[in-house]
Each structure stands twice: as structure tokens, then as C-alpha cells.
Amino acid sequence: MTIPATTTEKADPLAIKPDPNKAASACRQLIRAQAGRGNTEKALNTALAAFGLPDDYLDTEGGRWK
């Protein structure tokens, strides 16, 4: 169950269902990167695209963690 954001709180963009193909691709890319055979930055950008977020989301928005 997702709790709706209050009017003073921004909605969590990660609460939506991501594009399944892009999400699966991001997972594979991240596993390869962690095994030393891939690029973590590419995996992150694919994961952000799965949620419809811009490539600079972590730098500009920071999500709930900023």
C-alpha cells in the first residue's frame, strides 16, 4: 500500500512502477558492473530512465536523501 504524499512533501518518483524492460536491463548492467565487467554509470542511467527520471536526477533532486 502506497501512502500518498502530503501537500508539503514531494511525491516519491520511485513509487511508480518502472518500465519493466529498462528495469531488467539496469539490473543486468549493475550485476555486470559489480562483477567488474560493466559500467555502473550506464546501469544507473538505465535505472533512472526506467522511472522516467533525467540523467542528472541524483545531482539535482537527490530524491528523498538530499
C-alpha atoms as a PDB file:
ATOM      1  CA  MET A   1       0.000   0.000   0.000  1.00  0.00           C
ATOM      2  CA  THR A   2       1.401   3.377  -1.014  1.00  0.00           C
ATOM      3  CA  ILE A   3       0.788   6.272   1.328  1.00  0.00           C
ATOM      4  CA  PRO A   4       0.009   9.451  -0.629  1.00  0.00           C
ATOM      5  CA  ALA A   5       2.382  12.372  -0.233  1.00  0.00           C
ATOM      6  CA  THR A   6       1.202  15.290   1.847  1.00  0.00           C
ATOM      7  CA  THR A   7       0.823  18.681   0.233  1.00  0.00           C
ATOM      8  CA  THR A   8       4.125  19.814   1.767  1.00  0.00           C
ATOM      9  CA  GLU A   9       6.003  16.671   0.729  1.00  0.00           C
ATOM     10  CA  LYS A  10       7.093  15.919  -2.834  1.00  0.00           C
ATOM     11  CA  ALA A  11       5.757  12.698  -4.307  1.00  0.00           C
ATOM     12  CA  ASP A  12       8.314   9.892  -4.456  1.00  0.00           C
ATOM     13  CA  PRO A  13       9.129   9.321  -8.156  1.00  0.00           C
ATOM     14  CA  LEU A  14      10.402   5.840  -7.281  1.00  0.00           C
ATOM     15  CA  ALA A  15       6.948   4.810  -6.036  1.00  0.00           C
ATOM     16  CA  ILE A  16       5.719   4.297  -9.606  1.00  0.00           C
ATOM     17  CA  LYS A  17       6.078   1.027 -11.486  1.00  0.00           C
ATOM     18  CA  PRO A  18       9.158   1.343 -13.724  1.00  0.00           C
ATOM     19  CA  ASP A  19       9.386   0.301 -17.359  1.00  0.00           C
ATOM     20  CA  PRO A  20       9.964  -3.455 -16.937  1.00  0.00           C
ATOM     21  CA  ASN A  21      12.368  -3.842 -19.866  1.00  0.00           C
ATOM     22  CA  LYS A  22      14.541  -0.915 -18.791  1.00  0.00           C
ATOM     23  CA  ALA A  23      14.468  -2.051 -15.159  1.00  0.00           C
ATOM     24  CA  ALA A  24      15.580  -5.561 -16.113  1.00  0.00           C
ATOM     25  CA  SER A  25      18.334  -4.127 -18.298  1.00  0.00           C
ATOM     26  CA  ALA A  26      19.519  -1.902 -15.443  1.00  0.00           C
ATOM     27  CA  CYS A  27      19.676  -4.919 -13.127  1.00  0.00           C
ATOM     28  CA  ARG A  28      21.768  -6.897 -15.600  1.00  0.00           C
ATOM     29  CA  GLN A  29      24.077  -3.917 -16.162  1.00  0.00           C
ATOM     30  CA  LEU A  30      24.521  -3.394 -12.415  1.00  0.00           C
ATOM     31  CA  ILE A  31      25.343  -7.078 -11.844  1.00  0.00           C
ATOM     32  CA  ARG A  32      27.921  -6.938 -14.650  1.00  0.00           C
ATOM     33  CA  ALA A  33      29.392  -3.717 -13.236  1.00  0.00           C
ATOM     34  CA  GLN A  34      29.708  -5.208  -9.757  1.00  0.00           C
ATOM     35  CA  ALA A  35      31.416  -8.256 -11.264  1.00  0.00           C
ATOM     36  CA  GLY A  36      33.947  -5.942 -12.915  1.00  0.00           C
ATOM     37  CA  ARG A  37      32.618  -6.437 -16.437  1.00  0.00           C
ATOM     38  CA  GLY A  38      30.385  -3.409 -16.816  1.00  0.00           C
ATOM     39  CA  ASN A  39      29.808   0.264 -16.173  1.00  0.00           C
ATOM     40  CA  THR A  40      27.984   1.388 -13.021  1.00  0.00           C
ATOM     41  CA  GLU A  41      27.191   4.812 -14.511  1.00  0.00           C
ATOM     42  CA  LYS A  42      25.481   3.202 -17.503  1.00  0.00           C
ATOM     43  CA  ALA A  43      23.448   0.967 -15.160  1.00  0.00           C
ATOM     44  CA  LEU A  44      22.385   3.977 -13.096  1.00  0.00           C
ATOM     45  CA  ASN A  45      21.320   5.930 -16.181  1.00  0.00           C
ATOM     46  CA  THR A  46      19.285   2.946 -17.417  1.00  0.00           C
ATOM     47  CA  ALA A  47      17.615   2.639 -13.996  1.00  0.00           C
ATOM     48  CA  LEU A  48      16.766   6.354 -13.973  1.00  0.00           C
ATOM     49  CA  ALA A  49      15.304   6.024 -17.478  1.00  0.00           C
ATOM     50  CA  ALA A  50      13.144   3.108 -16.278  1.00  0.00           C
ATOM     51  CA  PHE A  51      11.462   5.545 -13.870  1.00  0.00           C
ATOM     52  CA  GLY A  52      11.352   8.394 -16.401  1.00  0.00           C
ATOM     53  CA  LEU A  53      13.889  10.437 -14.435  1.00  0.00           C
ATOM     54  CA  PRO A  54      16.594  12.632 -16.004  1.00  0.00           C
ATOM     55  CA  ASP A  55      20.237  11.503 -16.021  1.00  0.00           C
ATOM     56  CA  ASP A  56      21.130  14.257 -13.538  1.00  0.00           C
ATOM     57  CA  TYR A  57      18.357  13.368 -11.049  1.00  0.00           C
ATOM     58  CA  LEU A  58      20.714  12.384  -8.222  1.00  0.00           C
ATOM     59  CA  ASP A  59      22.732  15.579  -8.622  1.00  0.00           C
ATOM     60  CA  THR A  60      19.807  17.991  -8.948  1.00  0.00           C
ATOM     61  CA  GLU A  61      16.953  16.435  -6.990  1.00  0.00           C
ATOM     62  CA  GLY A  62      18.682  13.898  -4.826  1.00  0.00           C
ATOM     63  CA  GLY A  63      15.418  12.179  -4.191  1.00  0.00           C
ATOM     64  CA  ARG A  64      14.396  11.937  -0.552  1.00  0.00           C
ATOM     65  CA  TRP A  65      18.010  11.547   0.521  1.00  0.00           C
ATOM     66  CA  LYS A  66      19.204  15.084  -0.166  1.00  0.00           C
END
